[in-house]
Amino acid sequence: MRIITGTARGVKLETLESDATRPTSDKVKEAIFSMIQFEIEGRRVLDLFGGSGQLALEALSRGAAKATIIDESREAVNVIINNAKHAKLYDRCRISAISYAAFLKSFSDVEKFNIVFLDPPYNTELLHDSLKLISERDVTAPGAYIICECDTKPSKKKNQERKDPEKLAASVLEDVFSGDTDLMDKYVLERSTVYGRTRVTVLMKKDDVI
């Protein structure tokens, strides 16, 4: 695993040796950053399920101003700190061993986040629950993008999503929002694409749309 481009291009990153950590593949990471490539420069980034820290560090390498990286695992936080130092990006990071819920509930910074990465462990309700908290808390700036990664079940309808907005919305409701229509209504769907078994979805809070 490595940083793809920017000031830390080619830097290899450590990963936590644990079944709970599932690093984003280079293919998916390339896709994510192609979606937001013009929205990174000078932005404040939040990664709520840091793992190795690779998404936030990639954003910093590409010109983001600051990154807050959260993971409730102390072992993961140690890996993130090592990776940030190795990539010479540590001075622009705030790295904390805290749960996503505790962080969101206690957040009181005047400066809000422009980009939020949500890549929790698959087969949990953590994506739904973190989106619910984000919808309730004042953590994102106007125009902020929320990038979600989640698992998706193989289905013929996935091939039809690009041509059928209704099928796309139905898939996102199931995969991203766990069928919670009230929660989905609090967000604007900017884009969602499937890469193998991984769905990458870009959202905006309706309150943040400019």
Protein backbone atom coordinates (compact mmCIF):
# COMPACT_ATOMS: atom_id res chain seq x y z
CA MET A 1 0.00 0.00 0.00
CA ARG A 2 1.36 3.39 -0.97
CA ILE A 3 0.51 7.04 -1.50
CA ILE A 4 -0.37 7.40 -5.17
CA THR A 5 0.56 10.97 -6.00
CA GLY A 6 1.46 14.38 -4.63
CA THR A 7 4.27 15.45 -2.31
CA ALA A 8 4.49 11.99 -0.70
CA ARG A 9 4.09 10.04 -3.93
CA GLY A 10 5.32 6.45 -3.69
CA VAL A 11 5.69 6.40 0.08
CA LYS A 12 4.84 2.92 1.36
CA LEU A 13 2.41 2.73 4.26
CA GLU A 14 2.11 0.24 7.10
CA THR A 15 -1.13 -1.62 7.72
CA LEU A 16 -2.50 -3.05 10.91
CA GLU A 17 -2.32 -6.84 10.95
CA SER A 18 -5.94 -7.42 11.91
CA ASP A 19 -9.11 -8.80 10.38
CA ALA A 20 -10.85 -5.59 11.50
CA THR A 21 -8.76 -3.48 9.12
CA ARG A 22 -9.51 -3.58 5.38
CA PRO A 23 -7.25 -1.21 3.45
CA THR A 24 -8.74 0.57 0.45
CA SER A 25 -7.29 -0.87 -2.77
CA ASP A 26 -5.28 1.38 -5.09
CA LYS A 27 -8.01 1.02 -7.73
CA VAL A 28 -10.73 2.24 -5.38
CA LYS A 29 -8.50 4.96 -3.96
CA GLU A 30 -7.75 6.25 -7.47
CA ALA A 31 -11.50 6.30 -8.15
CA ILE A 32 -12.23 8.23 -4.96
CA PHE A 33 -9.67 10.91 -5.65
CA SER A 34 -10.66 11.27 -9.29
CA MET A 35 -14.16 12.12 -8.03
CA ILE A 36 -12.92 14.94 -5.78
CA GLN A 37 -9.63 15.91 -7.44
CA PHE A 38 -10.60 19.60 -7.80
CA GLU A 39 -11.96 19.87 -4.24
CA ILE A 40 -8.83 18.95 -2.24
CA GLU A 41 -6.47 21.93 -2.34
CA GLY A 42 -6.44 23.80 0.97
CA ARG A 43 -9.29 21.76 2.47
CA ARG A 44 -9.79 20.39 5.98
CA VAL A 45 -10.21 16.60 6.00
CA LEU A 46 -11.80 14.24 8.52
CA ASP A 47 -11.27 10.47 8.42
CA LEU A 48 -13.54 8.85 11.02
CA PHE A 49 -12.35 5.25 10.59
CA GLY A 50 -8.66 5.84 9.98
CA GLY A 51 -7.24 2.32 9.83
CA SER A 52 -3.81 3.04 8.33
CA GLY A 53 -4.62 6.70 7.66
CA GLN A 54 -4.11 6.23 3.94
CA LEU A 55 -7.12 8.24 2.69
CA ALA A 56 -6.39 11.31 4.80
CA LEU A 57 -2.66 11.10 4.04
CA GLU A 58 -3.39 10.80 0.31
CA ALA A 59 -5.51 13.95 0.57
CA LEU A 60 -2.71 15.80 2.39
CA SER A 61 -0.19 14.66 -0.22
CA ARG A 62 -2.49 16.12 -2.88
CA GLY A 63 -2.73 19.52 -1.21
CA ALA A 64 -5.28 19.36 1.61
CA ALA A 65 -4.39 21.78 4.40
CA LYS A 66 -5.08 19.69 7.51
CA ALA A 67 -6.41 16.26 8.41
CA THR A 68 -8.05 14.87 11.52
CA ILE A 69 -7.75 11.10 11.64
CA ILE A 70 -9.82 9.10 14.13
CA ASP A 71 -9.67 5.46 15.10
CA GLU A 72 -10.77 3.88 18.36
CA SER A 73 -7.98 1.28 18.16
CA ARG A 74 -4.75 2.38 19.86
CA GLU A 75 -2.83 -0.07 17.63
CA ALA A 76 -4.31 1.54 14.52
CA VAL A 77 -3.47 5.02 15.81
CA ASN A 78 0.16 3.99 16.31
CA VAL A 79 0.26 2.80 12.68
CA ILE A 80 -1.31 6.08 11.50
CA ILE A 81 1.24 8.14 13.43
CA ASN A 82 4.12 6.13 11.93
CA ASN A 83 2.69 6.51 8.42
CA ALA A 84 2.15 10.25 8.82
CA LYS A 85 5.73 10.74 10.01
CA HIS A 86 7.14 8.53 7.26
CA ALA A 87 5.24 10.56 4.64
CA LYS A 88 6.43 13.82 6.27
CA LEU A 89 2.81 14.89 6.76
CA TYR A 90 2.58 14.53 10.53
CA ASP A 91 2.71 18.27 11.24
CA ARG A 92 -0.59 18.73 9.35
CA CYS A 93 -2.38 15.90 11.19
CA ARG A 94 -4.44 15.60 14.31
CA ILE A 95 -4.58 11.90 15.19
CA SER A 96 -6.74 10.62 18.04
CA ALA A 97 -7.64 7.25 19.58
CA ILE A 98 -11.36 7.85 20.06
CA SER A 99 -14.58 6.39 18.69
CA TYR A 100 -16.29 8.13 15.81
CA ALA A 101 -19.38 8.73 17.97
CA ALA A 102 -17.45 10.28 20.85
CA PHE A 103 -15.57 12.54 18.44
CA LEU A 104 -18.68 13.75 16.61
CA LYS A 105 -20.62 14.34 19.82
CA SER A 106 -17.78 16.37 21.36
CA PHE A 107 -16.77 18.34 18.26
CA SER A 108 -16.82 22.10 18.85
CA ASP A 109 -14.21 23.51 16.47
CA VAL A 110 -15.11 26.74 14.68
CA GLU A 111 -13.44 25.45 11.49
CA LYS A 112 -15.61 22.76 9.90
CA PHE A 113 -14.53 19.95 7.59
CA ASN A 114 -14.68 20.16 3.79
CA ILE A 115 -14.10 16.45 3.10
CA VAL A 116 -15.16 13.53 5.30
CA PHE A 117 -14.05 9.95 4.64
CA LEU A 118 -16.24 7.13 5.98
CA ASP A 119 -14.76 3.67 5.48
CA PRO A 120 -15.93 1.60 8.46
CA PRO A 121 -15.69 -2.19 8.74
CA TYR A 122 -18.10 -3.90 6.37
CA ASN A 123 -21.17 -5.83 7.55
CA THR A 124 -21.84 -3.42 10.40
CA GLU A 125 -24.24 -0.54 10.97
CA LEU A 126 -21.35 1.88 11.45
CA LEU A 127 -21.82 3.66 8.12
CA HIS A 128 -25.52 4.26 8.79
CA ASP A 129 -24.83 5.33 12.37
CA SER A 130 -22.01 7.72 11.48
CA LEU A 131 -24.10 9.33 8.72
CA LYS A 132 -26.91 9.78 11.22
CA LEU A 133 -24.62 11.54 13.67
CA ILE A 134 -23.09 13.71 10.94
CA SER A 135 -26.60 14.75 9.89
CA GLU A 136 -27.25 15.87 13.47
CA ARG A 137 -23.94 17.54 14.30
CA ASP A 138 -22.43 20.75 12.93
CA VAL A 139 -19.11 19.33 11.70
CA THR A 140 -19.19 20.00 7.95
CA ALA A 141 -18.65 23.25 6.06
CA PRO A 142 -20.91 24.51 3.26
CA GLY A 143 -20.26 22.44 0.14
CA ALA A 144 -18.56 19.63 2.08
CA TYR A 145 -18.24 16.21 0.48
CA ILE A 146 -18.78 12.98 2.41
CA ILE A 147 -17.15 9.97 0.75
CA CYS A 148 -18.47 6.58 1.83
CA GLU A 149 -17.12 3.11 1.16
CA CYS A 150 -19.25 0.05 1.75
CA ASP A 151 -19.78 -3.50 0.61
CA THR A 152 -22.43 -4.27 -1.98
CA LYS A 153 -24.05 -7.54 -3.00
CA PRO A 154 -23.57 -8.70 -6.61
CA SER A 155 -26.68 -7.93 -8.62
CA LYS A 156 -27.69 -7.54 -12.25
CA LYS A 157 -29.28 -4.19 -11.41
CA LYS A 158 -25.83 -2.75 -10.65
CA ASN A 159 -25.16 -2.80 -14.40
CA GLN A 160 -28.25 -0.65 -14.98
CA GLU A 161 -27.57 2.04 -12.37
CA ARG A 162 -25.79 4.47 -14.69
CA LYS A 163 -28.82 4.63 -16.96
CA ASP A 164 -31.53 4.48 -14.32
CA PRO A 165 -31.44 7.03 -11.46
CA GLU A 166 -34.22 5.19 -9.64
CA LYS A 167 -32.24 1.94 -9.55
CA LEU A 168 -29.16 3.84 -8.38
CA ALA A 169 -31.10 5.53 -5.58
CA ALA A 170 -32.59 2.20 -4.51
CA SER A 171 -29.15 0.58 -4.37
CA VAL A 172 -27.67 3.47 -2.38
CA LEU A 173 -30.62 3.36 0.02
CA GLU A 174 -29.91 -0.33 0.66
CA ASP A 175 -26.09 -0.28 0.68
CA VAL A 176 -25.28 3.08 2.27
CA PHE A 177 -28.31 3.98 4.38
CA SER A 178 -29.42 0.46 5.43
CA GLY A 179 -32.89 1.16 4.07
CA ASP A 180 -33.37 4.29 6.22
CA THR A 181 -35.32 6.62 3.90
CA ASP A 182 -35.52 9.39 6.52
CA LEU A 183 -31.74 9.47 6.83
CA MET A 184 -31.18 9.36 3.07
CA ASP A 185 -33.51 12.34 2.72
CA LYS A 186 -31.04 14.43 4.74
CA TYR A 187 -28.38 14.02 2.05
CA VAL A 188 -27.89 14.83 -1.62
CA LEU A 189 -26.48 11.98 -3.71
CA GLU A 190 -23.68 13.39 -5.86
CA ARG A 191 -22.32 10.14 -7.24
CA SER A 192 -22.14 6.41 -6.52
CA THR A 193 -20.16 3.77 -8.40
CA VAL A 194 -19.41 0.09 -7.77
CA TYR A 195 -15.89 -1.31 -8.10
CA GLY A 196 -16.03 -5.08 -7.68
CA ARG A 197 -17.72 -5.54 -4.29
CA THR A 198 -17.04 -1.99 -3.10
CA ARG A 199 -19.47 0.90 -3.54
CA VAL A 200 -18.02 4.40 -3.42
CA THR A 201 -20.63 7.09 -2.79
CA VAL A 202 -20.21 10.86 -2.62
CA LEU A 203 -22.83 12.70 -0.55
CA MET A 204 -23.55 16.21 0.64
CA LYS A 205 -25.68 17.20 3.60
CA LYS A 206 -28.71 19.08 2.30
CA ASP A 207 -27.96 21.84 4.81
CA ASP A 208 -24.48 22.22 3.31
CA VAL A 209 -25.47 22.50 -0.36
CA ILE A 210 -24.39 25.83 -1.83
